[in-house]
């Protein structure tokens, strides 16, 4: 049943990549990057997706945009399956669903001026006439904190924070309803991170945008997001509102992530939960609960039985036998 309040719905989404070996490239296994994820992103909210590197966050974000074709499962935008209408229907959705990349320099063509990079998609999708392009781009640049004289500059002439503003302006120019921001501040200095985070907050309030904010930094997510999902090895282990997740985390993995947030006050006692071992390979995830190999609370049941994502409180869902 479609949730009328949801802009984007993901149902039991799986994205598996084949592992090919031998002279003829025979498939010997699969990398289960995303392995049965279901989430709903409500209109006008910022949804946070957190987890370690290798947990499948970026793959999930790209699958939501149709950049990766799901192995199974569906992605619905405005209640409609984005894959149902074929390439033409998906191409028509592109302006409404945009991506801001992690690397603000690698995502820009070094030979293309900032203004042209921002306006290129507007011409491609026929959203403005060529005579109106410059004025439209300059307005988007103003909204994103870029000056008119920077229109003709090349990417190497900008700082990291300014390049990320170009990336945000490029996405915003198409007047999207949803922006997926994939680790958009991780490559920036702390002072610049604050500016970009504030820009996202302003865009949400002023433009009424919906965001999926992918990050491994829970301190950033706490400041920006309304709802949060915690991802581990291709699956969601906990979802909750921001306040519920930070005030009362239920999953041991979430508790470990929160304990890693630095505390500035030296007088505050900080009980750090240190996880043992490395993140298992998504090509051969552990049986039972995928977190049991690193969980300090694991029991025999955790090694055998896969925990369901069950509701503990209103809006708070946890996949843990012991929660």
Protein backbone atom coordinates (compact mmCIF):
# COMPACT_ATOMS: atom_id res chain seq x y z
CA UNK A 1 0.00 0.00 0.00
CA UNK A 2 1.39 3.38 -1.04
CA UNK A 3 2.04 5.93 1.71
CA UNK A 4 0.46 9.21 0.52
CA UNK A 5 2.79 11.26 2.74
CA UNK A 6 5.90 9.68 1.20
CA UNK A 7 7.72 11.24 -1.73
CA UNK A 8 10.00 8.22 -2.18
CA UNK A 9 9.35 4.63 -1.11
CA UNK A 10 11.80 1.75 -1.26
CA UNK A 11 10.39 -1.76 -0.84
CA UNK A 12 12.62 -4.79 -0.21
CA UNK A 13 15.33 -3.41 -2.49
CA UNK A 14 18.28 -5.64 -3.37
CA UNK A 15 21.29 -4.68 -5.48
CA UNK A 16 23.68 -7.57 -6.09
CA UNK A 17 26.78 -7.24 -8.29
CA UNK A 18 28.14 -10.40 -9.95
CA UNK A 19 31.68 -11.59 -9.21
CA UNK A 20 33.26 -12.92 -12.40
CA UNK A 21 36.25 -15.24 -12.47
CA UNK A 22 38.18 -17.24 -15.00
CA UNK A 23 38.95 -16.76 -18.67
CA UNK A 24 35.30 -16.58 -19.71
CA UNK A 25 34.13 -14.39 -16.83
CA UNK A 26 31.87 -16.95 -15.26
CA UNK A 27 29.81 -15.74 -12.29
CA UNK A 28 31.21 -17.26 -9.10
CA UNK A 29 29.21 -15.25 -6.60
CA UNK A 30 27.59 -11.90 -5.87
CA UNK A 31 28.41 -8.82 -3.82
CA UNK A 32 25.24 -8.12 -1.83
CA UNK A 33 25.69 -4.37 -1.63
CA UNK A 34 22.04 -3.76 -0.75
CA UNK A 35 20.14 -6.79 0.54
CA UNK A 36 16.50 -6.14 1.30
CA UNK A 37 16.05 -2.49 2.30
CA UNK A 38 12.70 -0.78 2.85
CA UNK A 39 12.45 2.92 3.76
CA UNK A 40 10.06 5.83 3.21
CA UNK A 41 11.07 9.45 2.82
CA UNK A 42 8.32 11.94 3.59
CA UNK A 43 7.88 15.16 1.63
CA UNK A 44 9.70 18.20 2.97
CA UNK A 45 11.94 16.25 5.35
CA UNK A 46 15.63 15.42 5.50
CA UNK A 47 16.21 11.69 5.85
CA UNK A 48 19.63 10.60 7.11
CA UNK A 49 21.32 7.37 6.07
CA UNK A 50 24.37 6.48 8.18
CA UNK A 51 26.84 3.65 8.53
CA UNK A 52 30.47 2.71 8.02
CA UNK A 53 32.19 2.77 4.64
CA UNK A 54 31.20 -0.38 2.78
CA UNK A 55 27.75 -0.64 4.36
CA UNK A 56 25.97 0.00 1.04
CA UNK A 57 24.78 3.58 1.59
CA UNK A 58 25.97 5.03 -1.72
CA UNK A 59 24.74 2.03 -3.70
CA UNK A 60 21.31 2.42 -2.13
CA UNK A 61 21.26 6.14 -2.99
CA UNK A 62 22.16 5.49 -6.62
CA UNK A 63 19.59 2.71 -6.89
CA UNK A 64 16.95 5.17 -5.68
CA UNK A 65 17.84 7.39 -8.63
CA UNK A 66 17.78 4.52 -11.10
CA UNK A 67 21.53 4.68 -11.70
CA UNK A 68 21.72 1.03 -10.60
CA UNK A 69 19.01 -1.37 -11.66
CA UNK A 70 17.69 -3.30 -8.66
CA UNK A 71 18.16 -7.04 -8.56
CA UNK A 72 14.74 -7.24 -6.90
CA UNK A 73 12.45 -4.79 -5.14
CA UNK A 74 10.92 -1.47 -6.16
CA UNK A 75 11.60 2.24 -5.85
CA UNK A 76 8.47 4.40 -6.06
CA UNK A 77 8.52 8.16 -6.63
CA UNK A 78 5.11 9.79 -6.10
CA UNK A 79 3.76 6.26 -5.79
CA UNK A 80 4.99 5.13 -9.22
CA UNK A 81 7.71 2.54 -9.86
CA UNK A 82 10.62 4.44 -11.45
CA UNK A 83 11.62 1.39 -13.51
CA UNK A 84 8.12 0.58 -14.82
CA UNK A 85 8.09 2.98 -17.77
CA UNK A 86 11.50 2.13 -19.21
CA UNK A 87 14.34 4.49 -20.07
CA UNK A 88 12.20 7.33 -21.41
CA UNK A 89 10.07 7.52 -18.28
CA UNK A 90 13.17 7.35 -16.09
CA UNK A 91 14.84 10.13 -18.10
CA UNK A 92 11.76 12.30 -17.60
CA UNK A 93 12.15 11.85 -13.83
CA UNK A 94 15.79 12.96 -13.79
CA UNK A 95 15.12 16.68 -13.19
CA UNK A 96 12.95 15.82 -10.16
CA UNK A 97 15.59 13.61 -8.50
CA UNK A 98 19.13 14.97 -8.28
CA UNK A 99 22.43 13.85 -6.78
CA UNK A 100 25.15 15.86 -5.04
CA UNK A 101 28.43 13.96 -5.12
CA UNK A 102 30.98 13.45 -2.37
CA UNK A 103 34.00 14.77 -4.28
CA UNK A 104 33.28 18.40 -5.28
CA UNK A 105 36.24 18.49 -7.68
CA UNK A 106 35.98 15.04 -9.27
CA UNK A 107 32.31 15.64 -10.11
CA UNK A 108 33.16 18.74 -12.21
CA UNK A 109 34.69 18.82 -15.67
CA UNK A 110 37.93 20.84 -15.30
CA UNK A 111 37.46 22.26 -18.82
CA UNK A 112 33.92 23.55 -18.25
CA UNK A 113 33.25 26.90 -16.60
CA UNK A 114 31.11 26.99 -13.47
CA UNK A 115 28.16 28.74 -15.11
CA UNK A 116 28.15 26.34 -18.05
CA UNK A 117 28.31 23.32 -15.71
CA UNK A 118 25.28 24.57 -13.80
CA UNK A 119 23.29 25.43 -16.93
CA UNK A 120 24.12 22.38 -19.04
CA UNK A 121 21.29 20.20 -17.72
CA UNK A 122 18.78 23.04 -18.11
CA UNK A 123 19.42 23.07 -21.85
CA UNK A 124 19.53 19.27 -22.09
CA UNK A 125 16.08 18.93 -20.54
CA UNK A 126 14.70 21.97 -22.38
CA UNK A 127 13.74 23.77 -19.18
CA UNK A 128 14.89 27.22 -20.32
CA UNK A 129 15.59 28.98 -23.58
CA UNK A 130 19.19 29.79 -24.41
CA UNK A 131 18.51 33.53 -24.08
CA UNK A 132 17.31 33.03 -20.50
CA UNK A 133 20.06 30.63 -19.44
CA UNK A 134 22.57 33.07 -17.98
CA UNK A 135 20.03 34.91 -15.82
CA UNK A 136 18.61 31.61 -14.55
CA UNK A 137 22.06 30.28 -13.66
CA UNK A 138 23.08 33.53 -11.94
CA UNK A 139 19.97 33.35 -9.74
CA UNK A 140 20.76 29.77 -8.72
CA UNK A 141 24.37 30.78 -8.01
CA UNK A 142 23.11 33.61 -5.79
CA UNK A 143 20.92 31.21 -3.82
CA UNK A 144 23.93 28.93 -3.29
CA UNK A 145 26.25 31.73 -2.16
CA UNK A 146 28.24 32.19 -5.38
CA UNK A 147 29.02 35.59 -6.90
CA UNK A 148 28.17 36.60 -10.51
CA UNK A 149 31.83 37.11 -11.42
CA UNK A 150 32.46 33.43 -10.68
CA UNK A 151 30.25 32.38 -13.60
CA UNK A 152 33.19 32.26 -16.02
CA UNK A 153 35.71 30.64 -13.67
CA UNK A 154 36.98 27.09 -13.98
CA UNK A 155 36.82 24.48 -11.17
CA UNK A 156 40.52 24.81 -10.25
CA UNK A 157 39.92 28.48 -9.41
CA UNK A 158 37.51 27.61 -6.57
CA UNK A 159 38.02 26.34 -3.03
CA UNK A 160 36.59 22.97 -1.96
CA UNK A 161 33.56 24.58 -0.35
CA UNK A 162 32.87 26.72 -3.42
CA UNK A 163 33.10 23.66 -5.68
CA UNK A 164 30.53 21.89 -3.53
CA UNK A 165 28.28 24.94 -3.87
CA UNK A 166 28.59 24.56 -7.64
CA UNK A 167 27.54 20.94 -7.31
CA UNK A 168 24.54 21.92 -5.20
CA UNK A 169 23.65 24.71 -7.66
CA UNK A 170 23.87 22.26 -10.55
CA UNK A 171 21.32 20.03 -8.81
CA UNK A 172 19.12 22.91 -7.67
CA UNK A 173 18.92 24.49 -11.13
CA UNK A 174 16.55 21.78 -12.33
CA UNK A 175 14.08 22.58 -9.53
CA UNK A 176 14.07 19.04 -8.14
CA UNK A 177 11.75 17.68 -5.48
CA UNK A 178 14.37 15.31 -4.05
CA UNK A 179 18.11 15.78 -3.65
CA UNK A 180 20.29 12.85 -2.62
CA UNK A 181 23.47 14.20 -1.03
CA UNK A 182 26.16 11.50 -0.87
CA UNK A 183 28.73 12.41 1.82
CA UNK A 184 28.62 16.04 0.59
CA UNK A 185 30.81 17.49 3.38
CA UNK A 186 33.23 14.66 4.18
CA UNK A 187 35.95 16.06 1.88
CA UNK A 188 35.71 19.59 3.32
CA UNK A 189 37.35 21.37 6.25
CA UNK A 190 35.25 21.59 9.41
CA UNK A 191 34.58 25.33 9.07
CA UNK A 192 33.46 24.86 5.45
CA UNK A 193 31.30 21.88 6.45
CA UNK A 194 29.24 24.17 8.68
CA UNK A 195 28.59 26.55 5.77
CA UNK A 196 27.42 23.76 3.46
CA UNK A 197 25.22 22.23 6.18
CA UNK A 198 23.61 25.62 6.79
CA UNK A 199 23.04 25.94 3.04
CA UNK A 200 21.20 22.62 3.01
CA UNK A 201 19.06 23.78 5.95
CA UNK A 202 18.23 27.04 4.19
CA UNK A 203 17.30 25.25 0.95
CA UNK A 204 14.99 22.92 2.82
CA UNK A 205 13.16 25.82 4.47
CA UNK A 206 13.10 28.20 1.50
CA UNK A 207 12.60 25.77 -1.39
CA UNK A 208 10.57 23.07 0.38
CA UNK A 209 12.97 20.39 -0.81
CA UNK A 210 13.23 16.81 0.38
CA UNK A 211 16.72 15.46 1.10
CA UNK A 212 18.34 12.08 1.54
CA UNK A 213 21.57 12.86 3.38
CA UNK A 214 24.12 10.02 3.26
CA UNK A 215 26.92 10.27 5.81
CA UNK A 216 29.12 8.40 8.25
CA UNK A 217 29.27 11.49 10.51
CA UNK A 218 26.49 11.27 13.08
CA UNK A 219 27.23 14.72 14.45
CA UNK A 220 26.37 16.21 11.05
CA UNK A 221 23.28 14.02 10.71
CA UNK A 222 22.01 15.08 14.14
CA UNK A 223 22.12 18.73 13.12
CA UNK A 224 20.43 18.29 9.75
CA UNK A 225 18.06 15.31 9.66
CA UNK A 226 14.49 14.67 10.80
CA UNK A 227 14.57 10.87 10.48
CA UNK A 228 17.55 8.54 10.41
CA UNK A 229 18.21 4.99 9.21
CA UNK A 230 21.33 3.09 10.30
CA UNK A 231 22.73 0.71 7.69
CA UNK A 232 25.10 -2.19 8.24
CA UNK A 233 26.41 -4.56 5.57
CA UNK A 234 23.56 -3.98 3.12
CA UNK A 235 20.63 -3.98 5.58
CA UNK A 236 18.86 -1.46 7.80
CA UNK A 237 19.35 -2.21 11.50
CA UNK A 238 17.53 0.76 13.04
CA UNK A 239 15.29 3.64 11.98
CA UNK A 240 13.91 6.40 14.18
CA UNK A 241 13.34 10.10 14.48
CA UNK A 242 16.45 12.14 15.23
CA UNK A 243 15.54 12.69 18.89
CA UNK A 244 14.62 9.05 19.49
CA UNK A 245 17.78 7.73 17.88
CA UNK A 246 20.14 10.01 19.76
CA UNK A 247 18.31 9.90 23.09
CA UNK A 248 17.67 6.15 23.18
CA UNK A 249 19.52 4.11 20.55
CA UNK A 250 18.36 0.48 20.68
CA UNK A 251 20.72 -1.40 18.35
CA UNK A 252 24.28 -2.19 19.59
CA UNK A 253 25.71 -0.95 16.29
CA UNK A 254 23.94 2.39 16.61
CA UNK A 255 25.16 2.67 20.19
CA UNK A 256 28.73 2.07 19.03
CA UNK A 257 28.45 4.71 16.30
CA UNK A 258 27.05 7.27 18.74
CA UNK A 259 29.78 6.56 21.26
CA UNK A 260 32.38 7.48 18.62
CA UNK A 261 31.13 11.07 18.38
CA UNK A 262 33.80 13.33 19.95
CA UNK A 263 32.80 15.23 23.10
CA UNK A 264 34.34 18.68 23.45
CA UNK A 265 33.94 18.93 27.23
CA UNK A 266 36.84 17.13 28.99
CA UNK A 267 34.80 16.88 32.19
CA UNK A 268 32.10 14.78 30.54
CA UNK A 269 32.64 11.07 31.00
CA UNK A 270 32.56 9.34 27.64
CA UNK A 271 31.90 5.60 27.50
CA UNK A 272 33.30 4.56 24.15
CA UNK A 273 32.07 1.29 22.63
CA UNK A 274 34.93 -0.13 20.57
CA UNK A 275 33.88 -2.64 17.92
CA UNK A 276 36.20 -5.59 17.41
CA UNK A 277 37.21 -6.86 13.98
CA UNK A 278 36.55 -5.56 10.49
CA UNK A 279 33.35 -5.15 8.51
CA UNK A 280 32.66 -8.58 6.90
CA UNK A 281 32.66 -8.89 3.11
CA UNK A 282 29.29 -8.21 1.44
CA UNK A 283 30.13 -11.11 -0.88
CA UNK A 284 29.78 -13.56 2.03
CA UNK A 285 27.82 -11.92 4.87
CA UNK A 286 27.58 -13.81 8.17
CA UNK A 287 24.60 -16.07 8.89
CA UNK A 288 21.99 -14.86 11.33
CA UNK A 289 22.41 -11.26 12.43
CA UNK A 290 25.07 -9.70 10.22
CA UNK A 291 26.41 -7.72 13.15
CA UNK A 292 26.95 -10.69 15.47
CA UNK A 293 30.63 -11.12 14.53
CA UNK A 294 31.39 -7.71 16.10
CA UNK A 295 28.59 -7.36 18.62
CA UNK A 296 29.61 -7.44 22.31
CA UNK A 297 26.12 -8.68 23.28
CA UNK A 298 25.70 -11.50 20.74
CA UNK A 299 24.16 -14.79 21.88
CA UNK A 300 23.69 -18.12 20.08
CA UNK A 301 20.36 -17.01 18.58
CA UNK A 302 22.10 -14.08 16.88
CA UNK A 303 24.43 -16.45 15.01
CA UNK A 304 21.55 -18.49 13.57
CA UNK A 305 18.39 -16.41 13.19
CA UNK A 306 18.08 -13.27 11.07
CA UNK A 307 16.41 -10.54 13.17
CA UNK A 308 13.37 -8.80 11.69
CA UNK A 309 13.09 -5.02 11.63
CA UNK A 310 10.35 -4.73 14.26
CA UNK A 311 8.59 -1.78 15.85
CA UNK A 312 9.49 -1.03 19.47
CA UNK A 313 7.93 2.41 19.76
CA UNK A 314 5.99 4.60 17.34
CA UNK A 315 8.34 5.27 14.43
CA UNK A 316 11.25 3.43 16.08
CA UNK A 317 12.22 0.18 14.33
CA UNK A 318 15.09 -2.11 15.30
CA UNK A 319 16.50 -5.34 13.85
CA UNK A 320 17.93 -6.93 17.01
CA UNK A 321 16.87 -9.98 19.02
CA UNK A 322 17.99 -8.33 22.26
CA UNK A 323 16.46 -4.87 21.80
